[in-house]
Protein backbone atom coordinates (compact mmCIF):
# COMPACT_ATOMS: atom_id res chain seq x y z
CA MET A 1 3.27 -18.73 -1.67
CA ALA A 2 0.81 -16.09 -0.44
CA LYS A 3 -0.65 -12.91 -1.92
CA ILE A 4 -0.03 -10.08 0.58
CA LEU A 5 -1.46 -6.55 0.45
CA ILE A 6 0.39 -3.78 2.32
CA ILE A 7 -1.75 -0.74 3.15
CA ASP A 8 0.52 2.02 4.48
CA ASP A 9 1.24 5.62 3.50
CA ASP A 10 5.01 5.26 4.09
CA GLU A 11 6.95 4.52 0.89
CA THR A 12 9.91 3.13 2.88
CA VAL A 13 7.70 0.55 4.57
CA HIS A 14 6.52 -0.63 1.16
CA LEU A 15 10.06 -0.88 -0.20
CA VAL A 16 11.47 -2.75 2.81
CA TYR A 17 8.51 -5.07 3.40
CA ARG A 18 8.07 -5.79 -0.33
CA ALA A 19 11.75 -6.72 -0.69
CA TYR A 20 11.68 -8.96 2.37
CA LEU A 21 8.34 -10.65 1.66
CA SER A 22 9.10 -11.10 -2.05
CA LYS A 23 12.42 -12.74 -1.18
CA ALA A 24 10.45 -15.13 1.04
CA GLY A 25 8.41 -16.08 -2.05
CA HIS A 26 5.27 -14.02 -1.50
CA SER A 27 3.48 -11.86 -4.06
CA VAL A 28 3.10 -8.32 -2.69
CA GLU A 29 0.64 -5.58 -3.66
CA SER A 30 0.76 -2.00 -2.33
CA ALA A 31 -1.83 0.60 -1.38
CA TYR A 32 -0.90 4.01 0.02
CA ASP A 33 -4.12 5.02 1.81
CA GLY A 34 -7.19 3.38 3.26
CA GLU A 35 -9.53 3.92 0.32
CA GLU A 36 -7.01 2.53 -2.18
CA GLY A 37 -6.41 -0.38 0.20
CA LEU A 38 -10.08 -1.31 0.37
CA ALA A 39 -10.36 -1.17 -3.43
CA LYS A 40 -7.26 -3.35 -3.90
CA ALA A 41 -8.43 -5.80 -1.24
CA ALA A 42 -11.71 -6.27 -3.09
CA ALA A 43 -9.99 -6.67 -6.47
CA ALA A 44 -6.94 -8.75 -5.48
CA ARG A 45 -8.48 -10.91 -2.71
CA PRO A 46 -5.16 -11.25 -0.85
CA ASP A 47 -4.32 -14.06 1.57
CA LEU A 48 -3.03 -11.57 4.16
CA MET A 49 -3.12 -7.81 4.69
CA LEU A 50 -0.68 -5.58 6.57
CA VAL A 51 -2.48 -2.38 7.61
CA ASP A 52 -1.04 0.80 9.13
CA ILE A 53 -3.19 2.76 11.61
CA ASN A 54 -2.29 6.39 10.76
CA MET A 55 -3.12 6.97 7.10
CA PRO A 56 -4.77 9.65 4.99
CA ARG A 57 -8.41 9.41 3.86
CA LEU A 58 -9.31 6.45 6.12
CA SER A 59 -7.58 5.32 9.28
CA GLY A 60 -6.35 1.76 9.57
CA PHE A 61 -9.02 1.07 12.19
CA GLU A 62 -11.72 2.16 9.74
CA VAL A 63 -10.15 0.02 6.99
CA ILE A 64 -10.12 -3.00 9.31
CA ARG A 65 -13.74 -2.38 10.35
CA GLN A 66 -14.86 -2.29 6.72
CA LEU A 67 -12.79 -5.36 5.81
CA LYS A 68 -14.28 -7.35 8.69
CA GLU A 69 -17.84 -6.32 7.75
CA ALA A 70 -17.53 -7.36 4.10
CA PRO A 71 -18.34 -11.02 3.36
CA LEU A 72 -15.50 -11.40 0.84
CA SER A 73 -12.78 -10.02 3.14
CA ARG A 74 -13.92 -10.80 6.69
CA ASP A 75 -11.86 -14.00 6.89
CA ILE A 76 -8.64 -12.54 5.47
CA PRO A 77 -6.08 -12.24 8.28
CA VAL A 78 -4.92 -8.69 9.05
CA LEU A 79 -1.67 -7.70 10.74
CA VAL A 80 -1.53 -4.16 12.09
CA ILE A 81 1.77 -2.37 11.39
CA THR A 82 2.21 0.90 13.25
CA SER A 83 4.45 3.13 15.29
CA LEU A 84 1.60 3.52 17.81
CA LYS A 85 2.65 1.38 20.75
CA GLN A 86 0.09 2.43 23.34
CA GLU A 87 -1.80 -0.40 25.01
CA HIS A 88 -5.21 0.99 24.00
CA HIS A 89 -4.24 0.73 20.31
CA VAL A 90 -3.15 -2.88 20.77
CA LYS A 91 -6.39 -3.71 22.62
CA ARG A 92 -8.54 -1.96 20.02
CA ALA A 93 -6.85 -3.85 17.20
CA ALA A 94 -7.25 -7.16 19.06
CA SER A 95 -10.94 -6.45 19.67
CA MET A 96 -11.36 -6.05 15.91
CA GLY A 97 -10.07 -9.55 15.27
CA VAL A 98 -6.65 -8.82 13.83
CA ALA A 99 -4.13 -11.64 13.60
CA GLY A 100 -1.26 -9.64 15.11
CA PHE A 101 0.27 -6.27 15.92
CA ILE A 102 3.71 -5.22 14.60
CA THR A 103 5.40 -2.04 15.79
CA LYS A 104 7.71 0.08 13.64
CA PRO A 105 10.57 -0.07 13.18
CA THR A 106 10.04 -3.73 12.48
CA LYS A 107 12.52 -6.50 13.01
CA MET A 108 12.28 -8.71 9.94
CA PRO A 109 12.39 -12.04 11.85
CA GLU A 110 9.41 -10.78 13.90
CA LEU A 111 7.57 -9.83 10.71
CA ASN A 112 8.29 -13.22 9.17
CA ALA A 113 7.07 -15.10 12.25
CA LEU A 114 3.81 -13.14 12.41
CA VAL A 115 3.21 -13.44 8.66
CA GLU A 116 3.74 -17.20 8.72
CA LYS A 117 1.55 -17.63 11.82
CA ALA A 118 -1.25 -15.53 10.30
CA LEU A 119 -1.08 -17.44 7.01
CA GLU A 120 -1.16 -20.82 8.78
CA SER A 121 -4.18 -19.91 10.88
CA GLY A 122 -5.91 -17.71 8.32
CA LYS A 123 -8.93 -18.50 6.24
CA GLY A 124 -8.10 -16.17 3.37
CA PRO A 125 -9.42 -16.56 -0.19
CA SER A 126 -7.00 -19.22 -1.41
CA ARG A 127 -6.85 -21.16 1.84
């Protein structure tokens, strides 16, 4: 299946999402802050990235901006995962070209639907 990179500073998110996505047949990598996430994205060339907004060192918006500016990662679909539900956050993420916006706590069927949709429409490295 797909190689998915989760960039989030919450250990619980990694544990829950990794278990769910691995069970669905995906390979899952983890990064716990924005800088680590950018480094792993460059090294692993994932098919999809799940990026939190509030993180140490670099915000999710800054991570997404850098991913979209880099030739090797600009076409990798990004799903935003966050507890920030304000409309301006959703609009900002959409304006950056993300594939979807998931609010925490996440319902797993919603996560699965967005992951599958992003992978089908994405132009990631192995697509």
